[in-house]
Amino acid sequence: MYVEARLITLILYDTKSLKDKRAIRQSLFKKIQNKYNVSISEIDHLEDVKYLSIGISGVSNNLKFLNESLESVILFIEESVNGDIIDIEKY
């Protein structure tokens, strides 16, 4: 059994309030959970309007499949959010 996780930090361009950030986060999380079999949560920068740090993790018996799945999630995030990924940490 393999467990992998990623900590992704994004800078958001369309947020002016925590309410805007929450709407973006909830929409993104729902799309990811519907499309991929991973766990996802906001980890850091909870009160910062411009930054979103999310953790994603997965479990599989095939390490290659697990890494490809997490990379697919990262690509999906890049395409879905009006912002840039500024950091990705692998665990």
PDB file of N, CA and C in Angstrom:
ATOM      1  N   MET A   1       0.848  -1.174   0.000  1.00  0.00           N
ATOM      2  CA  MET A   1       0.000   0.000   0.000  1.00  0.00           C
ATOM      3  C   MET A   1       0.894   1.238   0.000  1.00  0.00           C
ATOM      4  N   TYR A   2       0.532   2.195  -0.841  1.00  0.00           N
ATOM      5  CA  TYR A   2       1.279   3.445  -0.951  1.00  0.00           C
ATOM      6  C   TYR A   2       0.370   4.619  -0.598  1.00  0.00           C
ATOM      7  N   VAL A   3       0.939   5.577   0.101  1.00  0.00           N
ATOM      8  CA  VAL A   3       0.231   6.803   0.460  1.00  0.00           C
ATOM      9  C   VAL A   3       1.084   7.974  -0.015  1.00  0.00           C
ATOM     10  N   GLU A   4       0.489   8.855  -0.770  1.00  0.00           N
ATOM     11  CA  GLU A   4       1.183  10.040  -1.273  1.00  0.00           C
ATOM     12  C   GLU A   4       0.351  11.266  -0.951  1.00  0.00           C
ATOM     13  N   ALA A   5       1.033  12.386  -0.755  1.00  0.00           N
ATOM     14  CA  ALA A   5       0.342  13.644  -0.494  1.00  0.00           C
ATOM     15  C   ALA A   5       1.085  14.788  -1.168  1.00  0.00           C
ATOM     16  N   ARG A   6       0.344  15.838  -1.472  1.00  0.00           N
ATOM     17  CA  ARG A   6       0.905  17.061  -2.037  1.00  0.00           C
ATOM     18  C   ARG A   6       0.324  18.247  -1.294  1.00  0.00           C
ATOM     19  N   LEU A   7       1.178  19.221  -1.022  1.00  0.00           N
ATOM     20  CA  LEU A   7       0.741  20.498  -0.475  1.00  0.00           C
ATOM     21  C   LEU A   7       0.923  21.523  -1.584  1.00  0.00           C
ATOM     22  N   ILE A   8      -0.166  22.106  -2.027  1.00  0.00           N
ATOM     23  CA  ILE A   8      -0.165  23.024  -3.158  1.00  0.00           C
ATOM     24  C   ILE A   8      -0.551  24.409  -2.654  1.00  0.00           C
ATOM     25  N   THR A   9       0.285  25.392  -2.962  1.00  0.00           N
ATOM     26  CA  THR A   9      -0.006  26.765  -2.587  1.00  0.00           C
ATOM     27  C   THR A   9      -0.271  27.567  -3.850  1.00  0.00           C
ATOM     28  N   LEU A  10      -1.409  28.248  -3.855  1.00  0.00           N
ATOM     29  CA  LEU A  10      -1.812  29.050  -5.011  1.00  0.00           C
ATOM     30  C   LEU A  10      -1.948  30.509  -4.613  1.00  0.00           C
ATOM     31  N   ILE A  11      -1.712  31.374  -5.573  1.00  0.00           N
ATOM     32  CA  ILE A  11      -2.066  32.782  -5.417  1.00  0.00           C
ATOM     33  C   ILE A  11      -3.302  33.007  -6.285  1.00  0.00           C
ATOM     34  N   LEU A  12      -4.322  33.609  -5.695  1.00  0.00           N
ATOM     35  CA  LEU A  12      -5.601  33.818  -6.376  1.00  0.00           C
ATOM     36  C   LEU A  12      -5.699  35.265  -6.841  1.00  0.00           C
ATOM     37  N   TYR A  13      -6.235  35.466  -8.047  1.00  0.00           N
ATOM     38  CA  TYR A  13      -6.308  36.806  -8.611  1.00  0.00           C
ATOM     39  C   TYR A  13      -7.682  37.450  -8.476  1.00  0.00           C
ATOM     40  N   ASP A  14      -8.745  36.701  -8.360  1.00  0.00           N
ATOM     41  CA  ASP A  14     -10.098  37.255  -8.373  1.00  0.00           C
ATOM     42  C   ASP A  14     -10.724  37.399  -6.989  1.00  0.00           C
ATOM     43  N   THR A  15      -9.947  37.342  -5.933  1.00  0.00           N
ATOM     44  CA  THR A  15     -10.536  37.376  -4.603  1.00  0.00           C
ATOM     45  C   THR A  15     -10.342  38.740  -3.957  1.00  0.00           C
ATOM     46  N   LYS A  16     -11.434  39.252  -3.435  1.00  0.00           N
ATOM     47  CA  LYS A  16     -11.385  40.516  -2.712  1.00  0.00           C
ATOM     48  C   LYS A  16     -11.811  40.339  -1.254  1.00  0.00           C
ATOM     49  N   SER A  17     -12.378  39.172  -0.968  1.00  0.00           N
ATOM     50  CA  SER A  17     -12.837  38.909   0.399  1.00  0.00           C
ATOM     51  C   SER A  17     -12.716  37.411   0.685  1.00  0.00           C
ATOM     52  N   LEU A  18     -12.853  37.069   1.950  1.00  0.00           N
ATOM     53  CA  LEU A  18     -12.840  35.650   2.325  1.00  0.00           C
ATOM     54  C   LEU A  18     -14.037  34.918   1.730  1.00  0.00           C
ATOM     55  N   LYS A  19     -15.128  35.643   1.524  1.00  0.00           N
ATOM     56  CA  LYS A  19     -16.308  35.041   0.906  1.00  0.00           C
ATOM     57  C   LYS A  19     -16.002  34.627  -0.538  1.00  0.00           C
ATOM     58  N   ASP A  20     -15.281  35.461  -1.282  1.00  0.00           N
ATOM     59  CA  ASP A  20     -14.865  35.104  -2.648  1.00  0.00           C
ATOM     60  C   ASP A  20     -13.961  33.876  -2.636  1.00  0.00           C
ATOM     61  N   LYS A  21     -13.018  33.879  -1.705  1.00  0.00           N
ATOM     62  CA  LYS A  21     -12.082  32.752  -1.598  1.00  0.00           C
ATOM     63  C   LYS A  21     -12.828  31.463  -1.270  1.00  0.00           C
ATOM     64  N   ARG A  22     -13.762  31.536  -0.341  1.00  0.00           N
ATOM     65  CA  ARG A  22     -14.537  30.357   0.055  1.00  0.00           C
ATOM     66  C   ARG A  22     -15.331  29.795  -1.120  1.00  0.00           C
ATOM     67  N   ALA A  23     -15.906  30.669  -1.923  1.00  0.00           N
ATOM     68  CA  ALA A  23     -16.679  30.222  -3.087  1.00  0.00           C
ATOM     69  C   ALA A  23     -15.778  29.498  -4.091  1.00  0.00           C
ATOM     70  N   ILE A  24     -14.610  30.046  -4.343  1.00  0.00           N
ATOM     71  CA  ILE A  24     -13.651  29.405  -5.256  1.00  0.00           C
ATOM     72  C   ILE A  24     -13.225  28.060  -4.699  1.00  0.00           C
ATOM     73  N   ARG A  25     -12.879  28.027  -3.410  1.00  0.00           N
ATOM     74  CA  ARG A  25     -12.418  26.795  -2.772  1.00  0.00           C
ATOM     75  C   ARG A  25     -13.488  25.712  -2.807  1.00  0.00           C
ATOM     76  N   GLN A  26     -14.709  26.055  -2.447  1.00  0.00           N
ATOM     77  CA  GLN A  26     -15.778  25.052  -2.412  1.00  0.00           C
ATOM     78  C   GLN A  26     -16.070  24.504  -3.796  1.00  0.00           C
ATOM     79  N   SER A  27     -16.086  25.361  -4.791  1.00  0.00           N
ATOM     80  CA  SER A  27     -16.326  24.912  -6.155  1.00  0.00           C
ATOM     81  C   SER A  27     -15.208  23.979  -6.625  1.00  0.00           C
ATOM     82  N   LEU A  28     -13.981  24.377  -6.381  1.00  0.00           N
ATOM     83  CA  LEU A  28     -12.826  23.565  -6.777  1.00  0.00           C
ATOM     84  C   LEU A  28     -12.838  22.209  -6.075  1.00  0.00           C
ATOM     85  N   PHE A  29     -13.085  22.202  -4.776  1.00  0.00           N
ATOM     86  CA  PHE A  29     -13.084  20.947  -4.013  1.00  0.00           C
ATOM     87  C   PHE A  29     -14.172  19.994  -4.500  1.00  0.00           C
ATOM     88  N   LYS A  30     -15.357  20.520  -4.780  1.00  0.00           N
ATOM     89  CA  LYS A  30     -16.447  19.658  -5.277  1.00  0.00           C
ATOM     90  C   LYS A  30     -16.087  19.032  -6.609  1.00  0.00           C
ATOM     91  N   LYS A  31     -15.525  19.832  -7.515  1.00  0.00           N
ATOM     92  CA  LYS A  31     -15.122  19.305  -8.827  1.00  0.00           C
ATOM     93  C   LYS A  31     -14.064  18.220  -8.690  1.00  0.00           C
ATOM     94  N   ILE A  32     -13.077  18.460  -7.835  1.00  0.00           N
ATOM     95  CA  ILE A  32     -12.002  17.472  -7.650  1.00  0.00           C
ATOM     96  C   ILE A  32     -12.547  16.193  -7.030  1.00  0.00           C
ATOM     97  N   GLN A  33     -13.386  16.306  -6.019  1.00  0.00           N
ATOM     98  CA  GLN A  33     -13.928  15.117  -5.358  1.00  0.00           C
ATOM     99  C   GLN A  33     -14.847  14.329  -6.276  1.00  0.00           C
ATOM    100  N   ASN A  34     -15.526  14.995  -7.198  1.00  0.00           N
ATOM    101  CA  ASN A  34     -16.390  14.289  -8.142  1.00  0.00           C
ATOM    102  C   ASN A  34     -15.594  13.588  -9.231  1.00  0.00           C
ATOM    103  N   LYS A  35     -14.436  14.141  -9.585  1.00  0.00           N
ATOM    104  CA  LYS A  35     -13.667  13.622 -10.711  1.00  0.00           C
ATOM    105  C   LYS A  35     -12.554  12.656 -10.294  1.00  0.00           C
ATOM    106  N   TYR A  36     -11.969  12.863  -9.122  1.00  0.00           N
ATOM    107  CA  TYR A  36     -10.818  12.066  -8.677  1.00  0.00           C
ATOM    108  C   TYR A  36     -11.106  11.422  -7.329  1.00  0.00           C
ATOM    109  N   ASN A  37     -10.452  10.320  -7.086  1.00  0.00           N
ATOM    110  CA  ASN A  37     -10.617   9.605  -5.821  1.00  0.00           C
ATOM    111  C   ASN A  37      -9.477   9.989  -4.869  1.00  0.00           C
ATOM    112  N   VAL A  38      -9.515  11.246  -4.394  1.00  0.00           N
ATOM    113  CA  VAL A  38      -8.492  11.752  -3.486  1.00  0.00           C
ATOM    114  C   VAL A  38      -9.164  12.488  -2.331  1.00  0.00           C
ATOM    115  N   SER A  39      -8.407  12.674  -1.278  1.00  0.00           N
ATOM    116  CA  SER A  39      -8.862  13.500  -0.166  1.00  0.00           C
ATOM    117  C   SER A  39      -8.259  14.881  -0.345  1.00  0.00           C
ATOM    118  N   ILE A  40      -9.009  15.911   0.006  1.00  0.00           N
ATOM    119  CA  ILE A  40      -8.545  17.285  -0.194  1.00  0.00           C
ATOM    120  C   ILE A  40      -9.022  18.157   0.947  1.00  0.00           C
ATOM    121  N   SER A  41      -8.161  19.106   1.361  1.00  0.00           N
ATOM    122  CA  SER A  41      -8.511  20.000   2.449  1.00  0.00           C
ATOM    123  C   SER A  41      -7.690  21.279   2.362  1.00  0.00           C
ATOM    124  N   GLU A  42      -8.255  22.378   2.851  1.00  0.00           N
ATOM    125  CA  GLU A  42      -7.477  23.611   2.964  1.00  0.00           C
ATOM    126  C   GLU A  42      -6.584  23.479   4.189  1.00  0.00           C
ATOM    127  N   ILE A  43      -5.300  23.777   4.034  1.00  0.00           N
ATOM    128  CA  ILE A  43      -4.323  23.509   5.080  1.00  0.00           C
ATOM    129  C   ILE A  43      -3.822  24.778   5.768  1.00  0.00           C
ATOM    130  N   ASP A  44      -3.516  25.797   4.990  1.00  0.00           N
ATOM    131  CA  ASP A  44      -2.855  26.984   5.536  1.00  0.00           C
ATOM    132  C   ASP A  44      -3.428  28.230   4.873  1.00  0.00           C
ATOM    133  N   HIS A  45      -3.014  29.387   5.327  1.00  0.00           N
ATOM    134  CA  HIS A  45      -3.473  30.674   4.794  1.00  0.00           C
ATOM    135  C   HIS A  45      -4.993  30.799   4.907  1.00  0.00           C
ATOM    136  N   LEU A  46      -5.534  30.362   6.023  1.00  0.00           N
ATOM    137  CA  LEU A  46      -6.987  30.334   6.190  1.00  0.00           C
ATOM    138  C   LEU A  46      -7.612  31.730   6.195  1.00  0.00           C
ATOM    139  N   GLU A  47      -6.906  32.717   6.706  1.00  0.00           N
ATOM    140  CA  GLU A  47      -7.445  34.071   6.796  1.00  0.00           C
ATOM    141  C   GLU A  47      -6.859  35.007   5.746  1.00  0.00           C
ATOM    142  N   ASP A  48      -6.045  34.487   4.839  1.00  0.00           N
ATOM    143  CA  ASP A  48      -5.430  35.298   3.794  1.00  0.00           C
ATOM    144  C   ASP A  48      -6.266  35.211   2.528  1.00  0.00           C
ATOM    145  N   VAL A  49      -6.678  36.353   2.011  1.00  0.00           N
ATOM    146  CA  VAL A  49      -7.596  36.405   0.871  1.00  0.00           C
ATOM    147  C   VAL A  49      -6.922  35.971  -0.428  1.00  0.00           C
ATOM    148  N   LYS A  50      -5.652  36.251  -0.589  1.00  0.00           N
ATOM    149  CA  LYS A  50      -4.969  36.027  -1.866  1.00  0.00           C
ATOM    150  C   LYS A  50      -4.303  34.663  -1.995  1.00  0.00           C
ATOM    151  N   TYR A  51      -4.133  33.933  -0.917  1.00  0.00           N
ATOM    152  CA  TYR A  51      -3.426  32.651  -0.978  1.00  0.00           C
ATOM    153  C   TYR A  51      -4.336  31.505  -0.556  1.00  0.00           C
ATOM    154  N   LEU A  52      -4.175  30.376  -1.223  1.00  0.00           N
ATOM    155  CA  LEU A  52      -4.918  29.160  -0.906  1.00  0.00           C
ATOM    156  C   LEU A  52      -3.925  28.006  -0.856  1.00  0.00           C
ATOM    157  N   SER A  53      -3.800  27.384   0.295  1.00  0.00           N
ATOM    158  CA  SER A  53      -2.934  26.208   0.449  1.00  0.00           C
ATOM    159  C   SER A  53      -3.819  24.999   0.682  1.00  0.00           C
ATOM    160  N   ILE A  54      -3.692  24.020  -0.209  1.00  0.00           N
ATOM    161  CA  ILE A  54      -4.523  22.834  -0.095  1.00  0.00           C
ATOM    162  C   ILE A  54      -3.647  21.590  -0.064  1.00  0.00           C
ATOM    163  N   GLY A  55      -4.110  20.627   0.678  1.00  0.00           N
ATOM    164  CA  GLY A  55      -3.449  19.328   0.731  1.00  0.00           C
ATOM    165  C   GLY A  55      -4.311  18.310   0.014  1.00  0.00           C
ATOM    166  N   ILE A  56      -3.667  17.503  -0.811  1.00  0.00           N
ATOM    167  CA  ILE A  56      -4.366  16.392  -1.456  1.00  0.00           C
ATOM    168  C   ILE A  56      -3.595  15.124  -1.147  1.00  0.00           C
ATOM    169  N   SER A  57      -4.330  14.041  -0.946  1.00  0.00           N
ATOM    170  CA  SER A  57      -3.661  12.771  -0.660  1.00  0.00           C
ATOM    171  C   SER A  57      -4.456  11.632  -1.279  1.00  0.00           C
ATOM    172  N   GLY A  58      -3.746  10.545  -1.499  1.00  0.00           N
ATOM    173  CA  GLY A  58      -4.375   9.367  -2.072  1.00  0.00           C
ATOM    174  C   GLY A  58      -3.690   8.110  -1.580  1.00  0.00           C
ATOM    175  N   VAL A  59      -4.389   7.005  -1.706  1.00  0.00           N
ATOM    176  CA  VAL A  59      -3.883   5.694  -1.311  1.00  0.00           C
ATOM    177  C   VAL A  59      -4.113   4.735  -2.469  1.00  0.00           C
ATOM    178  N   SER A  60      -3.100   3.911  -2.767  1.00  0.00           N
ATOM    179  CA  SER A  60      -3.243   2.949  -3.850  1.00  0.00           C
ATOM    180  C   SER A  60      -2.254   1.809  -3.643  1.00  0.00           C
ATOM    181  N   ASN A  61      -2.500   0.715  -4.338  1.00  0.00           N
ATOM    182  CA  ASN A  61      -1.542  -0.390  -4.310  1.00  0.00           C
ATOM    183  C   ASN A  61      -0.545  -0.273  -5.458  1.00  0.00           C
ATOM    184  N   ASN A  62      -0.703   0.757  -6.307  1.00  0.00           N
ATOM    185  CA  ASN A  62       0.173   0.973  -7.449  1.00  0.00           C
ATOM    186  C   ASN A  62       0.738   2.393  -7.362  1.00  0.00           C
ATOM    187  N   LEU A  63       2.037   2.507  -7.097  1.00  0.00           N
ATOM    188  CA  LEU A  63       2.659   3.814  -6.889  1.00  0.00           C
ATOM    189  C   LEU A  63       2.623   4.673  -8.149  1.00  0.00           C
ATOM    190  N   LYS A  64       2.845   4.085  -9.295  1.00  0.00           N
ATOM    191  CA  LYS A  64       2.827   4.843 -10.547  1.00  0.00           C
ATOM    192  C   LYS A  64       1.441   5.443 -10.797  1.00  0.00           C
ATOM    193  N   PHE A  65       0.401   4.644 -10.608  1.00  0.00           N
ATOM    194  CA  PHE A  65      -0.965   5.128 -10.777  1.00  0.00           C
ATOM    195  C   PHE A  65      -1.267   6.253  -9.800  1.00  0.00           C
ATOM    196  N   LEU A  66      -0.824   6.109  -8.559  1.00  0.00           N
ATOM    197  CA  LEU A  66      -1.073   7.115  -7.534  1.00  0.00           C
ATOM    198  C   LEU A  66      -0.408   8.440  -7.904  1.00  0.00           C
ATOM    199  N   ASN A  67       0.851   8.398  -8.322  1.00  0.00           N
ATOM    200  CA  ASN A  67       1.541   9.626  -8.719  1.00  0.00           C
ATOM    201  C   ASN A  67       0.880  10.275  -9.929  1.00  0.00           C
ATOM    202  N   GLU A  68       0.478   9.474 -10.912  1.00  0.00           N
ATOM    203  CA  GLU A  68      -0.207  10.013 -12.089  1.00  0.00           C
ATOM    204  C   GLU A  68      -1.537  10.654 -11.703  1.00  0.00           C
ATOM    205  N   SER A  69      -2.235  10.043 -10.779  1.00  0.00           N
ATOM    206  CA  SER A  69      -3.514  10.577 -10.328  1.00  0.00           C
ATOM    207  C   SER A  69      -3.334  11.934  -9.644  1.00  0.00           C
ATOM    208  N   LEU A  70      -2.352  12.033  -8.776  1.00  0.00           N
ATOM    209  CA  LEU A  70      -2.112  13.305  -8.088  1.00  0.00           C
ATOM    210  C   LEU A  70      -1.634  14.382  -9.059  1.00  0.00           C
ATOM    211  N   GLU A  71      -0.823  14.011 -10.040  1.00  0.00           N
ATOM    212  CA  GLU A  71      -0.388  14.972 -11.054  1.00  0.00           C
ATOM    213  C   GLU A  71      -1.574  15.440 -11.899  1.00  0.00           C
ATOM    214  N   SER A  72      -2.510  14.547 -12.163  1.00  0.00           N
ATOM    215  CA  SER A  72      -3.726  14.930 -12.891  1.00  0.00           C
ATOM    216  C   SER A  72      -4.536  15.952 -12.102  1.00  0.00           C
ATOM    217  N   VAL A  73      -4.602  15.769 -10.799  1.00  0.00           N
ATOM    218  CA  VAL A  73      -5.316  16.728  -9.951  1.00  0.00           C
ATOM    219  C   VAL A  73      -4.632  18.092 -10.018  1.00  0.00           C
ATOM    220  N   ILE A  74      -3.310  18.110  -9.980  1.00  0.00           N
ATOM    221  CA  ILE A  74      -2.567  19.371 -10.049  1.00  0.00           C
ATOM    222  C   ILE A  74      -2.827  20.078 -11.382  1.00  0.00           C
ATOM    223  N   LEU A  75      -2.812  19.335 -12.475  1.00  0.00           N
ATOM    224  CA  LEU A  75      -3.110  19.931 -13.776  1.00  0.00           C
ATOM    225  C   LEU A  75      -4.539  20.477 -13.818  1.00  0.00           C
ATOM    226  N   PHE A  76      -5.468  19.736 -13.225  1.00  0.00           N
ATOM    227  CA  PHE A  76      -6.855  20.177 -13.164  1.00  0.00           C
ATOM    228  C   PHE A  76      -6.967  21.491 -12.384  1.00  0.00           C
ATOM    229  N   ILE A  77      -6.238  21.600 -11.282  1.00  0.00           N
ATOM    230  CA  ILE A  77      -6.255  22.826 -10.483  1.00  0.00           C
ATOM    231  C   ILE A  77      -5.721  23.996 -11.301  1.00  0.00           C
ATOM    232  N   GLU A  78      -4.616  23.778 -12.019  1.00  0.00           N
ATOM    233  CA  GLU A  78      -4.034  24.837 -12.846  1.00  0.00           C
ATOM    234  C   GLU A  78      -5.027  25.352 -13.887  1.00  0.00           C
ATOM    235  N   GLU A  79      -5.805  24.438 -14.466  1.00  0.00           N
ATOM    236  CA  GLU A  79      -6.757  24.813 -15.505  1.00  0.00           C
ATOM    237  C   GLU A  79      -8.033  25.440 -14.938  1.00  0.00           C
ATOM    238  N   SER A  80      -8.368  25.134 -13.698  1.00  0.00           N
ATOM    239  CA  SER A  80      -9.662  25.518 -13.138  1.00  0.00           C
ATOM    240  C   SER A  80      -9.662  26.824 -12.372  1.00  0.00           C
ATOM    241  N   VAL A  81      -8.508  27.274 -11.912  1.00  0.00           N
ATOM    242  CA  VAL A  81      -8.455  28.424 -11.015  1.00  0.00           C
ATOM    243  C   VAL A  81      -7.799  29.606 -11.720  1.00  0.00           C
ATOM    244  N   ASN A  82      -8.381  30.788 -11.526  1.00  0.00           N
ATOM    245  CA  ASN A  82      -7.748  32.003 -12.038  1.00  0.00           C
ATOM    246  C   ASN A  82      -6.692  32.434 -11.029  1.00  0.00           C
ATOM    247  N   GLY A  83      -5.542  31.816 -11.160  1.00  0.00           N
ATOM    248  CA  GLY A  83      -4.426  32.069 -10.267  1.00  0.00           C
ATOM    249  C   GLY A  83      -3.257  31.202 -10.696  1.00  0.00           C
ATOM    250  N   ASP A  84      -2.206  31.257  -9.938  1.00  0.00           N
ATOM    251  CA  ASP A  84      -1.004  30.488 -10.254  1.00  0.00           C
ATOM    252  C   ASP A  84      -0.603  29.626  -9.074  1.00  0.00           C
ATOM    253  N   ILE A  85      -0.103  28.444  -9.367  1.00  0.00           N
ATOM    254  CA  ILE A  85       0.499  27.606  -8.345  1.00  0.00           C
ATOM    255  C   ILE A  85       1.890  28.137  -8.086  1.00  0.00           C
ATOM    256  N   ILE A  86       2.170  28.487  -6.845  1.00  0.00           N
ATOM    257  CA  ILE A  86       3.486  29.046  -6.534  1.00  0.00           C
ATOM    258  C   ILE A  86       4.387  28.049  -5.813  1.00  0.00           C
ATOM    259  N   ASP A  87       3.806  26.956  -5.308  1.00  0.00           N
ATOM    260  CA  ASP A  87       4.630  25.966  -4.630  1.00  0.00           C
ATOM    261  C   ASP A  87       3.888  24.628  -4.576  1.00  0.00           C
ATOM    262  N   ILE A  88       4.657  23.558  -4.765  1.00  0.00           N
ATOM    263  CA  ILE A  88       4.132  22.208  -4.607  1.00  0.00           C
ATOM    264  C   ILE A  88       5.144  21.423  -3.789  1.00  0.00           C
ATOM    265  N   GLU A  89       4.683  20.877  -2.670  1.00  0.00           N
ATOM    266  CA  GLU A  89       5.527  20.022  -1.834  1.00  0.00           C
ATOM    267  C   GLU A  89       5.013  18.608  -1.899  1.00  0.00           C
ATOM    268  N   LYS A  90       5.929  17.669  -2.039  1.00  0.00           N
ATOM    269  CA  LYS A  90       5.570  16.260  -2.151  1.00  0.00           C
ATOM    270  C   LYS A  90       5.878  15.555  -0.825  1.00  0.00           C
ATOM    271  N   TYR A  91       4.926  14.766  -0.353  1.00  0.00           N
ATOM    272  CA  TYR A  91       5.116  13.994   0.879  1.00  0.00           C
ATOM    273  C   TYR A  91       4.837  12.539   0.622  1.00  0.00           C
TER     274      TYR A  91
END
